[in-house]
Each structure stands twice: as structure tokens, then as C-alpha cells.
Protein backbone atom coordinates (compact mmCIF):
# COMPACT_ATOMS: atom_id res chain seq x y z
CA MET A 1 134.12 -5.41 -139.31
CA GLU A 2 130.43 -6.21 -138.92
CA ASP A 3 129.55 -2.74 -140.27
CA GLN A 4 132.05 -2.91 -143.12
CA LEU A 5 130.58 -2.49 -146.61
CA PHE A 6 131.55 -5.05 -149.25
CA ALA A 7 130.65 -4.63 -152.92
CA VAL A 8 130.64 -8.08 -154.56
CA ILE A 9 131.00 -7.50 -158.28
CA ASP A 10 131.08 -9.42 -161.54
CA VAL A 11 131.41 -7.98 -165.04
CA GLU A 12 131.02 -9.41 -168.52
CA THR A 13 133.09 -7.90 -171.32
CA THR A 14 133.80 -7.92 -175.03
CA GLY A 15 137.15 -9.64 -174.49
CA GLY A 16 140.30 -8.51 -176.29
CA GLY A 17 142.73 -8.09 -173.41
CA ILE A 18 142.68 -5.85 -170.37
CA ASN A 19 143.08 -2.60 -172.30
CA GLY A 20 140.67 -3.57 -175.08
CA ASN A 21 137.94 -4.94 -172.84
CA ARG A 22 134.66 -3.03 -172.74
CA LEU A 23 131.80 -3.75 -170.37
CA THR A 24 128.70 -5.56 -171.64
CA GLU A 25 127.12 -6.26 -168.23
CA ILE A 26 127.69 -5.49 -164.56
CA CYS A 27 126.19 -6.70 -161.30
CA ILE A 28 126.99 -5.33 -157.83
CA VAL A 29 125.65 -6.80 -154.60
CA LEU A 30 126.23 -4.60 -151.55
CA LEU A 31 126.79 -6.29 -148.18
CA ARG A 32 127.10 -4.82 -144.71
CA GLY A 33 129.14 -7.42 -142.94
CA SER A 34 127.66 -10.66 -144.24
CA LYS A 35 124.14 -9.30 -144.88
CA VAL A 36 122.94 -8.31 -148.35
CA ILE A 37 121.48 -4.78 -148.31
CA ASP A 38 121.22 -3.80 -152.00
CA LYS A 39 121.80 -4.92 -155.59
CA PHE A 40 122.46 -3.19 -158.90
CA THR A 41 122.59 -4.96 -162.26
CA SER A 42 122.54 -3.69 -165.82
CA LEU A 43 123.49 -4.55 -169.36
CA ILE A 44 125.98 -2.07 -170.85
CA ASN A 45 126.29 -0.98 -174.46
CA PRO A 46 130.05 -1.37 -175.11
CA ASP A 47 129.96 0.86 -178.19
CA LYS A 48 131.82 -1.84 -180.14
CA GLU A 49 131.08 -5.21 -181.74
CA ILE A 50 130.81 -8.22 -179.44
CA PRO A 51 132.82 -11.14 -180.89
CA ARG A 52 130.92 -14.31 -181.67
CA HIS A 53 132.99 -16.44 -179.30
CA ILE A 54 132.04 -14.08 -176.43
CA THR A 55 128.37 -14.34 -177.39
CA ALA A 56 128.70 -18.14 -177.41
CA LEU A 57 130.07 -18.01 -173.86
CA THR A 58 127.78 -15.40 -172.27
CA GLY A 59 124.72 -15.27 -174.51
CA ILE A 60 125.16 -11.48 -174.77
CA ASP A 61 125.03 -10.29 -178.38
CA ASN A 62 124.95 -6.94 -180.16
CA ASP A 63 121.14 -6.88 -180.36
CA LEU A 64 120.78 -7.52 -176.62
CA VAL A 65 122.85 -4.46 -175.69
CA ALA A 66 121.73 -2.17 -178.53
CA ASP A 67 119.31 -0.24 -176.28
CA ALA A 68 121.29 -0.69 -173.05
CA PRO A 69 122.87 2.36 -171.37
CA LYS A 70 126.48 3.19 -172.13
CA PHE A 71 128.91 3.15 -169.24
CA TYR A 72 128.96 6.93 -168.76
CA GLU A 73 125.19 6.71 -168.07
CA VAL A 74 125.66 4.32 -165.14
CA ALA A 75 129.11 5.45 -163.98
CA LYS A 76 127.77 7.69 -161.22
CA LYS A 77 125.57 4.86 -159.92
CA VAL A 78 128.54 2.45 -159.87
CA GLU A 79 130.74 4.98 -158.10
CA GLU A 80 128.12 5.76 -155.44
CA PHE A 81 127.18 2.09 -154.98
CA THR A 82 130.77 1.07 -154.28
CA ARG A 83 131.83 4.16 -152.33
CA ASP A 84 133.23 3.26 -148.86
CA ALA A 85 132.99 -0.42 -149.82
CA ILE A 86 135.71 -3.01 -150.31
CA PHE A 87 135.70 -4.27 -153.89
CA VAL A 88 135.19 -8.07 -153.84
CA ALA A 89 135.31 -10.34 -156.87
CA HIS A 90 136.38 -13.80 -157.97
CA ASN A 91 139.76 -13.07 -159.59
CA VAL A 92 139.41 -9.47 -158.48
CA ASN A 93 142.16 -7.93 -160.60
CA PHE A 94 140.24 -8.63 -163.79
CA ASP A 95 136.93 -7.02 -162.74
CA TYR A 96 138.69 -4.18 -160.92
CA ASN A 97 140.96 -3.29 -163.86
CA VAL A 98 138.10 -3.38 -166.37
CA LEU A 99 136.04 -0.99 -164.24
CA ARG A 100 139.03 1.25 -163.54
CA ASN A 101 139.77 1.51 -167.27
CA GLU A 102 136.13 2.44 -167.99
CA PHE A 103 136.37 5.28 -165.46
CA LYS A 104 139.77 6.28 -166.82
CA ASP A 105 138.25 6.68 -170.30
CA LEU A 106 135.82 9.15 -168.76
CA GLY A 107 138.66 11.07 -167.13
CA PHE A 108 138.13 9.82 -163.57
CA GLU A 109 140.39 7.89 -161.20
CA TYR A 110 138.62 4.90 -159.64
CA THR A 111 140.32 3.49 -156.54
CA ARG A 112 139.01 0.96 -154.02
CA LYS A 113 140.45 -1.53 -151.59
CA LYS A 114 139.98 -4.99 -153.05
CA LEU A 115 139.61 -8.62 -152.00
CA CYS A 116 139.95 -11.69 -154.20
CA THR A 117 137.70 -14.64 -153.36
CA VAL A 118 140.03 -16.95 -155.31
CA ARG A 119 142.95 -16.12 -153.04
CA LEU A 120 140.78 -16.12 -149.90
CA SER A 121 139.39 -19.52 -150.85
CA ARG A 122 142.86 -20.97 -151.36
CA LYS A 123 143.74 -19.85 -147.83
CA LEU A 124 140.51 -20.69 -146.02
CA ILE A 125 139.44 -23.77 -148.02
CA PRO A 126 142.78 -25.33 -148.99
CA GLY A 127 143.35 -28.52 -150.97
CA LEU A 128 140.71 -28.21 -153.69
CA PHE A 129 141.60 -29.30 -157.24
CA SER A 130 140.34 -26.09 -158.82
CA TYR A 131 139.38 -22.64 -157.61
CA SER A 132 137.52 -21.50 -160.71
CA LEU A 133 134.09 -20.23 -159.70
CA GLY A 134 132.11 -23.08 -161.24
CA LYS A 135 134.25 -25.92 -159.89
CA LEU A 136 134.75 -24.28 -156.50
CA CYS A 137 131.02 -23.81 -156.02
CA GLY A 138 130.45 -27.42 -157.08
CA SER A 139 133.03 -28.64 -154.56
CA ILE A 140 131.40 -26.88 -151.58
CA ASN A 141 127.76 -27.20 -152.68
CA ILE A 142 127.02 -23.61 -153.61
CA PRO A 143 124.20 -23.35 -156.19
CA ILE A 144 125.13 -21.44 -159.32
CA SER A 145 122.79 -20.67 -162.21
CA ASN A 146 122.88 -18.44 -165.26
CA ARG A 147 126.62 -19.08 -165.51
CA HIS A 148 128.80 -16.46 -167.29
CA ARG A 149 126.18 -13.78 -166.78
CA ALA A 150 126.99 -11.00 -164.33
CA GLU A 151 124.05 -11.51 -161.97
CA GLY A 152 124.32 -15.31 -161.86
CA ASP A 153 128.05 -15.24 -161.13
CA THR A 154 127.69 -12.43 -158.59
CA ASP A 155 124.95 -14.25 -156.66
CA ALA A 156 127.18 -17.33 -156.41
CA THR A 157 130.18 -15.21 -155.37
CA VAL A 158 128.07 -13.59 -152.62
CA ILE A 159 127.25 -17.00 -151.12
CA LEU A 160 130.93 -18.00 -151.42
CA PHE A 161 132.06 -14.77 -149.75
CA GLN A 162 129.55 -15.25 -146.91
CA ARG A 163 130.97 -18.76 -146.42
CA LEU A 164 134.49 -17.34 -146.30
CA LEU A 165 133.44 -14.69 -143.76
CA SER A 166 132.11 -17.45 -141.52
CA LEU A 167 135.47 -19.26 -141.74
CA ASP A 168 137.35 -16.07 -140.83
CA ASP A 169 135.17 -14.92 -137.93
CA ASP A 170 137.84 -12.63 -136.46
CA TYR A 171 138.68 -11.20 -139.93
CA SER A 172 142.38 -11.96 -139.40
CA MET A 173 142.84 -13.39 -142.90
CA ILE A 174 140.85 -10.63 -144.57
CA ASN A 175 142.76 -7.96 -142.62
CA SER A 176 146.05 -9.49 -143.72
CA PHE A 177 144.90 -9.26 -147.34
CA LEU A 178 143.85 -5.63 -146.88
CA HIS A 179 147.08 -4.57 -145.16
CA ALA A 180 148.68 -1.70 -147.02
CA ARG A 181 152.00 -3.55 -147.40
CA SER A 182 150.46 -6.88 -148.30
CA ARG A 183 151.15 -8.24 -151.78
CA GLN A 184 148.01 -10.38 -151.64
CA ALA A 185 145.84 -7.95 -153.58
CA THR A 186 148.33 -7.60 -156.44
CA LEU A 187 149.44 -11.22 -156.77
CA PRO A 188 147.79 -13.46 -159.37
CA PRO A 189 145.05 -15.71 -157.98
CA HIS A 190 147.07 -18.94 -157.97
CA ILE A 191 150.30 -17.66 -156.39
CA ASP A 192 150.78 -17.80 -152.64
CA SER A 193 152.70 -14.99 -150.99
CA GLU A 194 155.00 -17.66 -149.51
CA GLN A 195 156.30 -18.37 -153.01
CA ILE A 196 157.19 -14.71 -153.42
CA ASN A 197 158.71 -14.40 -149.95
CA SER A 198 161.01 -17.37 -150.64
CA LEU A 199 162.55 -15.74 -153.73
CA PRO A 200 166.12 -14.40 -153.34
CA GLU A 201 167.11 -10.80 -153.89
CA SER A 202 170.10 -11.74 -156.05
CA SER A 203 170.97 -12.35 -159.69
CA GLY A 204 169.60 -15.40 -161.44
CA ILE A 205 166.77 -16.76 -163.54
CA TYR A 206 163.13 -17.42 -162.69
CA LEU A 207 160.59 -19.71 -164.34
CA PHE A 208 156.82 -19.19 -164.36
CA LYS A 209 154.99 -22.52 -164.64
CA ASN A 210 151.35 -23.40 -165.27
CA ARG A 211 149.19 -25.87 -163.35
CA GLN A 212 150.90 -28.82 -165.07
CA HIS A 213 154.35 -27.41 -164.15
CA LYS A 214 155.07 -26.56 -167.77
CA VAL A 215 157.37 -23.55 -168.16
CA ILE A 216 155.41 -20.68 -169.73
CA TYR A 217 157.94 -17.88 -169.15
CA ALA A 218 161.67 -17.68 -168.42
CA GLY A 219 163.36 -14.50 -167.31
CA LYS A 220 166.61 -13.24 -165.80
CA ALA A 221 167.10 -10.56 -163.18
CA ARG A 222 169.68 -8.84 -161.02
CA ASP A 223 167.13 -9.07 -158.19
CA ILE A 224 164.88 -12.10 -158.73
CA LYS A 225 162.23 -11.17 -156.15
CA LYS A 226 161.92 -7.57 -157.30
CA ARG A 227 161.66 -8.56 -160.97
CA VAL A 228 159.05 -11.28 -160.38
CA VAL A 229 156.83 -8.93 -158.37
CA SER A 230 157.16 -6.27 -161.09
CA HIS A 231 155.37 -8.59 -163.53
CA PHE A 232 152.28 -8.48 -161.32
CA TYR A 233 152.23 -4.68 -161.12
CA ASP A 234 152.40 -4.37 -164.92
CA ARG A 235 148.96 -3.63 -166.36
CA MET A 236 149.73 -4.80 -169.89
CA SER A 237 147.41 -7.52 -171.20
CA LYS A 238 150.32 -9.93 -171.76
CA GLU A 239 151.53 -9.58 -168.16
CA TYR A 240 147.99 -9.97 -166.82
CA GLN A 241 147.47 -13.18 -168.83
CA LEU A 242 150.85 -14.49 -167.70
CA GLY A 243 149.77 -13.97 -164.10
CA GLN A 244 146.47 -15.76 -164.68
CA GLU A 245 148.22 -18.86 -166.03
CA THR A 246 151.02 -18.98 -163.44
CA TYR A 247 150.67 -21.50 -160.61
CA HIS A 248 154.31 -22.10 -159.65
CA ILE A 249 157.52 -20.04 -159.65
CA ASP A 250 160.95 -21.68 -159.68
CA TYR A 251 164.30 -19.96 -159.71
CA GLU A 252 168.04 -20.57 -159.87
CA ALA A 253 170.44 -18.09 -158.33
CA THR A 254 173.60 -17.41 -160.32
CA GLY A 255 175.28 -14.47 -158.58
CA SER A 256 176.51 -13.37 -161.99
CA GLU A 257 174.33 -11.44 -164.42
CA LEU A 258 176.29 -12.92 -167.35
CA VAL A 259 175.56 -16.47 -166.19
CA ALA A 260 171.91 -15.50 -165.71
CA LEU A 261 171.74 -14.27 -169.32
CA LEU A 262 173.28 -17.50 -170.61
CA LEU A 263 171.01 -19.67 -168.46
CA GLU A 264 167.94 -17.71 -169.55
CA ALA A 265 168.89 -18.35 -173.19
CA GLU A 266 169.27 -22.07 -172.45
CA CYS A 267 165.86 -22.25 -170.73
CA ILE A 268 164.16 -20.50 -173.64
CA ARG A 269 165.84 -22.90 -176.08
CA LYS A 270 164.94 -25.93 -173.96
CA TYR A 271 161.37 -25.11 -172.92
CA TYR A 272 160.24 -22.74 -175.72
CA PRO A 273 157.95 -20.88 -173.25
CA LYS A 274 154.61 -19.58 -174.45
CA PHE A 275 155.11 -16.01 -173.18
CA ASN A 276 158.71 -15.45 -174.30
CA ARG A 277 158.81 -13.49 -177.54
CA ALA A 278 162.51 -12.69 -177.82
CA GLN A 279 165.17 -15.36 -178.39
CA LYS A 280 162.80 -17.93 -179.87
CA ARG A 281 164.27 -17.37 -183.31
CA PRO A 282 167.74 -16.20 -184.31
CA GLY A 283 167.85 -12.64 -185.59
CA PRO A 284 169.63 -11.47 -188.74
CA VAL A 285 173.42 -11.52 -188.77
CA TYR A 286 176.07 -9.90 -190.93
CA GLN A 287 178.74 -12.16 -192.38
CA ILE A 288 182.05 -11.43 -194.06
CA VAL A 289 182.42 -13.66 -197.12
CA SER A 290 185.06 -13.94 -199.83
CA TYR A 291 184.93 -14.61 -203.57
CA THR A 292 187.13 -14.23 -206.62
CA ASN A 293 186.09 -11.64 -209.18
CA GLN A 294 186.56 -11.72 -212.96
CA ARG A 295 190.04 -10.21 -212.65
CA GLY A 296 191.01 -13.02 -210.33
CA VAL A 297 191.13 -10.66 -207.34
CA LEU A 298 190.10 -12.16 -204.01
CA GLN A 299 187.40 -9.83 -202.63
CA LEU A 300 185.75 -9.48 -199.22
CA ALA A 301 182.06 -8.62 -198.98
CA LEU A 302 179.38 -8.14 -196.34
CA GLU A 303 176.11 -10.10 -196.42
CA ARG A 304 173.01 -9.85 -194.24
CA THR A 305 171.32 -13.20 -193.64
CA ASN A 306 168.92 -15.01 -191.33
CA LYS A 307 170.66 -18.33 -191.87
CA ARG A 308 174.06 -19.51 -190.72
CA ARG A 309 176.28 -19.95 -193.77
CA GLU A 310 179.91 -20.70 -194.39
CA SER A 311 181.71 -17.40 -193.85
CA ILE A 312 184.88 -15.78 -192.60
CA GLY A 313 183.16 -14.10 -189.66
CA THR A 314 179.69 -13.46 -188.29
CA PHE A 315 178.53 -10.27 -186.50
CA TYR A 316 175.33 -9.10 -184.81
CA SER A 317 175.25 -5.60 -186.25
CA ARG A 318 176.30 -3.99 -189.50
CA ALA A 319 178.39 -1.46 -187.59
CA LEU A 320 180.51 -4.19 -185.96
CA ALA A 321 180.97 -6.01 -189.27
CA GLN A 322 182.03 -2.84 -191.06
CA GLU A 323 184.38 -1.97 -188.22
CA LYS A 324 186.04 -5.37 -188.64
CA LEU A 325 186.39 -4.89 -192.40
CA GLU A 326 187.98 -1.48 -191.88
CA PHE A 327 190.40 -2.99 -189.36
CA LEU A 328 191.44 -5.72 -191.81
CA CYS A 329 191.79 -3.13 -194.56
CA ARG A 330 194.22 -1.04 -192.54
CA GLU A 331 196.08 -3.94 -190.90
CA PHE A 332 196.77 -5.83 -194.16
CA LYS A 333 196.85 -2.85 -196.57
CA LEU A 334 193.80 -4.04 -198.49
CA CYS A 335 191.73 -2.02 -200.95
CA PRO A 336 188.47 -0.46 -199.66
CA LYS A 337 186.90 -1.03 -203.08
CA TYR A 338 187.60 -4.76 -202.92
CA CYS A 339 186.44 -4.95 -199.29
CA SER A 340 182.92 -3.61 -200.02
CA LEU A 341 183.69 -0.33 -198.27
CA GLN A 342 183.28 1.59 -201.54
CA SER A 343 181.22 0.88 -204.65
CA ASN A 344 180.81 2.27 -208.15
CA VAL A 345 184.34 3.68 -208.23
CA GLY A 346 187.21 2.93 -210.61
CA GLU A 347 189.90 3.46 -207.99
CA CYS A 348 189.44 3.57 -204.24
CA SER A 349 189.23 6.97 -202.57
CA HIS A 350 188.15 6.14 -199.03
CA TYR A 351 188.00 9.11 -196.68
CA SER A 352 190.04 7.46 -193.90
CA ILE A 353 191.64 4.26 -195.27
CA LEU A 354 194.66 5.28 -197.32
CA SER A 355 196.72 2.09 -197.11
CA CYS A 356 195.74 0.56 -200.47
CA GLU A 357 198.87 -0.36 -202.45
CA GLY A 358 197.26 -0.02 -205.87
CA ILE A 359 195.38 -3.20 -206.75
CA CYS A 360 192.43 -1.08 -207.93
CA SER A 361 194.64 1.05 -210.21
CA GLY A 362 196.76 -1.78 -211.60
CA LYS A 363 199.89 -0.85 -209.60
CA GLU A 364 199.82 -4.03 -207.49
CA GLU A 365 200.05 -7.61 -208.74
CA VAL A 366 196.94 -9.74 -208.25
CA GLU A 367 198.93 -12.60 -206.76
CA ALA A 368 200.56 -10.35 -204.19
CA TYR A 369 197.25 -8.75 -203.24
CA ASN A 370 195.50 -12.13 -202.93
CA GLY A 371 198.26 -13.22 -200.56
CA LYS A 372 197.43 -10.30 -198.28
CA VAL A 373 193.71 -11.16 -198.37
CA ALA A 374 194.52 -14.78 -197.51
CA ALA A 375 196.57 -13.57 -194.54
CA ALA A 376 193.67 -11.39 -193.39
CA ILE A 377 191.27 -14.34 -193.61
CA ALA A 378 193.73 -16.54 -191.74
CA SER A 379 194.01 -13.93 -188.98
CA ILE A 380 190.28 -14.24 -188.34
CA THR A 381 190.04 -18.03 -188.49
CA GLU A 382 192.97 -18.31 -186.07
CA GLU A 383 191.25 -16.04 -183.55
CA SER A 384 189.17 -18.81 -181.97
CA SER A 385 190.45 -18.85 -178.44
CA THR A 386 190.21 -20.79 -175.22
CA PHE A 387 189.39 -18.65 -172.23
CA VAL A 388 187.47 -18.43 -168.98
CA ILE A 389 185.41 -15.49 -167.78
CA ARG A 390 185.47 -15.20 -163.99
CA GLU A 391 182.44 -13.58 -162.36
CA LYS A 392 180.90 -13.08 -158.93
CA GLY A 393 179.52 -16.29 -157.43
CA ARG A 394 176.37 -17.00 -155.44
CA HIS A 395 178.20 -16.29 -152.17
CA PHE A 396 181.50 -14.76 -151.15
CA GLU A 397 183.38 -18.09 -151.02
CA GLU A 398 182.86 -18.98 -154.68
CA GLU A 399 183.21 -17.56 -158.18
CA ALA A 400 181.12 -18.19 -161.26
CA PHE A 401 182.90 -18.98 -164.51
CA VAL A 402 182.07 -19.30 -168.20
CA LEU A 403 184.24 -21.58 -170.32
CA VAL A 404 184.94 -21.12 -174.04
CA LYS A 405 187.20 -23.68 -175.77
CA GLU A 406 188.71 -22.89 -179.16
CA GLY A 407 185.88 -20.46 -179.74
CA ASN A 408 183.12 -22.87 -178.68
CA TYR A 409 180.96 -21.97 -175.66
CA GLN A 410 181.06 -24.95 -173.28
CA GLY A 411 178.88 -23.80 -170.40
CA PHE A 412 179.24 -22.29 -166.94
CA GLY A 413 179.87 -23.40 -163.39
CA PHE A 414 180.83 -22.37 -159.89
CA ILE A 415 184.20 -22.87 -158.23
CA ASP A 416 185.51 -22.33 -154.72
CA THR A 417 187.72 -19.25 -154.48
CA GLU A 418 190.45 -21.37 -152.85
CA THR A 419 190.59 -23.91 -155.73
CA GLN A 420 193.83 -23.71 -157.70
CA VAL A 421 193.47 -23.77 -161.50
CA SER A 422 196.18 -23.41 -164.15
CA ARG A 423 194.64 -25.12 -167.21
CA SER A 424 191.26 -24.97 -168.92
CA GLU A 425 190.81 -28.68 -168.08
CA ASP A 426 190.86 -27.80 -164.38
CA TYR A 427 187.40 -26.23 -164.80
CA GLU A 428 185.84 -29.36 -166.31
CA PRO A 429 184.77 -31.05 -163.01
CA PHE A 430 182.78 -27.93 -162.07
CA LEU A 431 181.28 -27.29 -165.51
CA LYS A 432 177.54 -27.38 -166.27
CA ARG A 433 177.59 -28.07 -169.98
CA GLN A 434 175.29 -25.97 -172.13
CA THR A 435 174.33 -25.79 -175.80
CA ALA A 436 176.02 -23.10 -177.86
CA THR A 437 173.46 -21.13 -179.88
CA TYR A 438 173.09 -17.91 -181.79
CA HIS A 439 171.93 -16.20 -178.59
CA THR A 440 174.72 -17.47 -176.31
CA HIS A 441 177.31 -16.32 -178.83
CA LYS A 442 175.67 -12.93 -179.07
CA ILE A 443 175.62 -12.61 -175.28
CA LEU A 444 179.31 -13.50 -175.03
CA SER A 445 180.33 -11.26 -177.92
CA ASN A 446 178.54 -8.29 -176.39
CA TYR A 447 180.05 -9.04 -172.98
CA MET A 448 183.62 -9.26 -174.32
CA ARG A 449 183.21 -6.08 -176.34
CA LYS A 450 181.87 -4.11 -173.35
CA GLN A 451 183.71 -5.64 -170.37
CA GLY A 452 187.18 -6.28 -171.78
CA ALA A 453 190.11 -7.97 -170.07
CA PRO A 454 189.73 -7.60 -166.28
CA ARG A 455 187.61 -10.74 -165.75
CA VAL A 456 189.10 -12.99 -168.45
CA ILE A 457 191.80 -15.67 -168.30
CA PHE A 458 193.26 -16.77 -171.64
CA PHE A 459 194.74 -20.22 -172.29
CA GLU A 460 196.95 -21.22 -175.22
CA ASN A 461 195.11 -23.57 -177.56
CA SER A 462 198.03 -25.92 -178.08
CA SER A 463 197.32 -29.37 -176.66
CA ASP A 464 200.94 -29.63 -175.52
CA SER A 465 200.90 -26.37 -173.60
CA GLN A 466 197.99 -24.97 -171.64
CA VAL A 467 199.72 -21.94 -170.18
CA MET A 468 197.50 -19.46 -168.40
CA GLN A 469 197.96 -15.91 -169.66
CA PRO A 470 196.14 -12.67 -168.93
CA MET A 471 194.07 -11.24 -171.76
CA THR A 472 195.20 -7.89 -173.08
CA ASP A 473 193.90 -5.21 -175.43
CA LEU A 474 190.53 -6.89 -175.96
CA LYS A 475 189.04 -3.78 -177.53
CA LYS A 476 191.56 -3.46 -180.35
CA SER A 477 188.98 -5.05 -182.66
CA PRO A 478 185.37 -6.17 -182.14
CA PRO A 479 184.63 -9.78 -181.10
CA ILE A 480 183.16 -11.96 -183.79
CA ILE A 481 181.72 -15.41 -184.43
CA SER A 482 183.85 -17.56 -186.67
CA THR A 483 182.80 -19.64 -189.68
CA HIS A 484 181.43 -22.56 -187.69
CA GLY A 485 179.62 -20.50 -185.07
CA THR A 486 182.51 -20.37 -182.63
CA LEU A 487 183.36 -17.32 -180.57
CA ALA A 488 186.41 -15.56 -181.99
CA LEU A 489 188.20 -12.60 -180.44
CA GLU A 490 190.88 -10.28 -181.75
CA PHE A 491 193.89 -9.83 -179.44
């Protein structure tokens, strides 16, 4: 590769994320093999304001670039200068993506093979505390001046790259990075390909950690390896920043997607990762509440709230809550008007619920009607059940399980397929206890509503009798969360 062209590049930008970044300065040093043969450097007018914190870092302000060429004026020069060359930069994905986006805005596709001197340095000069350009150059005695300006950083990167070429005299490491199937060019600078290769291709959760091993992102996947790699192909600013801050990747295989969802929720609750947006705060819920009106009639109503309150039942969508109210109305011959299914009417006239026995028209006694409402409320509060969900395990000789006792999520575990169980207590020795939260209840409610009976074993709640029974007719009525946040199901 002695005749190979390398374009060592550094850019300065306005900041604002990958897609919002605009060039303010560029420097390209062209090498043939390890010998410098040409250089191009220029300020660039970004056609937008440069933030003060960027000026404080680089010294480039709006006045400095006011008379500088805009990118379209130097684009042809950049394209010709880097043609047939391998694109080399320190943290190459940043510089490469900024340039590619500038060309994209002009309607051109810019594609080059690329090499990252951060990743090469980690391979060829292992064991250093930091691989940032300034600290790396300090560690191996490379002079660097005019820091955070394109030419100063490029000149230092050229010396670093020449040093790396001398350590890889047969180009074996560089060739491995340039191989078409290699992930090296797309991986973040601090992640070794060995970490990716060790990931399983099965269901579970994965944790991205920073240099201090603090969890900054938790995710779940059906295929852990495939999902992790997909983060690094995503060109969104958030995904790029996540990659820049990730130094370590941990995982836990679950076999079951349901267990992965529950474990992901627990990790987000426990670690509160910086890059997780969803699940940090409970969303709004719909609750069925009861009150006595001026006539003394016990009414049911639907309330939307962001806080957990005392209620008859809690749901995660208005449609599910209304479906439950309609079910109670039909099952216990209640009045749609007094169940919040109709308003501003003297007597109920619901289009599909015709079971009202006349409380709204004075034909039914208040005491008798209130007794029916009390029975409806009791039917919900008695729904809290004890059951186990059986799922696929991490290998063919085990099963995963999720345990719910009297409506309370207990946790999950793994059990040998040959182990005999007849009571809910038999699962206790294998149980990994977890915290029940808004999100775990929502996950379980959605699962029970969609999956139904085939994977569920129901146990009687009586302490004197823990008889195992199959679950039946799970979809007769939607699953709900009871007054105290417990999982309740209609059978």
C-alpha cells in the first residue's frame, strides 16, 4: 500500500448535532503511503450563526468567516482532493458524516473508504488512559499546536497516522479495518469488535455503559447482537452521541421477549439511563372511580390522571377503560347514564346497551340499583389473581416464567423443564424478585390481552388450597390494574 492515497482530515463546525452541524473550517492533508504530498485548508462560511460556546472552544466567530467561501464554492476542490483516497480522521465518523451531509445538501452523494485513528490507536498502541487527540498525542510525544483548529488538529493527526503506519508495516491491521465486511469503520471509537462478536443472537437486554461503567442506555431485543449493531448504523444525532459515550456493552440473555421487556423496565427504573427517553416517567392512565350523586345513586365514572389514586380499576387507554365499563353495564344491568357512557340525557338511550332496568327513569329503586353497582365493583376487586406465565427459556432444557401473586407482579426466573411444580410457592426458589411499577403492569396487561391463555397457569388464591388450574377465556374482558396497582384479570 505504499502508493495508496490517504486524505487526513479535520473539520470544525457550528455544533448542534450531526444533522445540524455546518462546516466552519476544513483541513485536508494528502499522503501517498506515509509521505505528505499536498495540503488544503480553508475557513468556511456556514451560512448560520456560530454559537458562543463554539467560538470559545475554537476561536472561530461570525466575523472571521464572514468573507470566507461557502461550502459549495470549495466542494469541487474537496471532492477532487479526496478522490481515490482513504478518508482518515480522529473519530472518523464525525468528520465523514459532516462532510457527507454538506455534499448531500448540494444534491451529491459523497462516499469514501474510511479509517479511524482512534480505533487504530486502540489496537496498535493499547493500554493508554485516553485516546482523545490531545491526551493521546501527549502520551506518545506528538507535538500539537493551535488545538481545536482544523489545520492544527490535522497536522497532529498526520504525525499520529504516520506513527501508526510504522507500527503496521504489513498493513494487516489497516486492511482488516478496510475489509468490506468489517464492522470496524461503523463502530464507535471506544468499542472493540470483540465486544460485538461476543454478543448473543437471542432475546434479552443490553446495557451501554460509559467510561466509568455507568449505564447510559438500556434496551431490549429479540436479537441482541443485531439490535446493538443497528444503533451504530443509525445516523440520528442521539444515536451518534450514544456511540461516542459508550465504552462498554453488557447484556443478559432471557430467551423470552416478555422477560426482556420486564427486565428492561427494571433497568431503566434502577439506573435512570441518560439516553432512555421512554419509561422514565409514568404516562397518563384512565381510572374507574365511584361516587354517590345527589339522588343517592352510586355512579361509576372515568377519570384521566397522571397520578395513582384510589380507584376501582386502572387502564392504559381510554378504549380499554370504556370497554370495561360497557362490560360491567351489560353484566350487571347497570345504567349507561350512571356509568359515564352517556351525558346530558334525562333517560339513557345507549345505542347498544339496553339492559338498564330503569334507575334513570324512576322505575328502579335506588337501593336495589346500588346493590348491583356494589356487586360490579366487587367483581373487579376480586379479580386479582395468582398466576404464572410460562415462556421460552435461554436454552431448550429450561423455561422462563413470570410470577404474579394476588395481582402483584413478583418477578421472573428460569426453571428446568423437568422440575415438577403444582403450587405458586414452588416457583419461589427460582424467582428473581423485581419491583412492580406502572411500566411492568402495563407490559403484563398488554401481554395478557394479546396472548391469552395458552402460556398461563392459574392458581387459586386461597391459602388453604393452591390448586393449579388452566386459565380460560382470558379475552372475555380486558385486563386491568386494581386499586392498589395490582394486576387484575377478568376470567
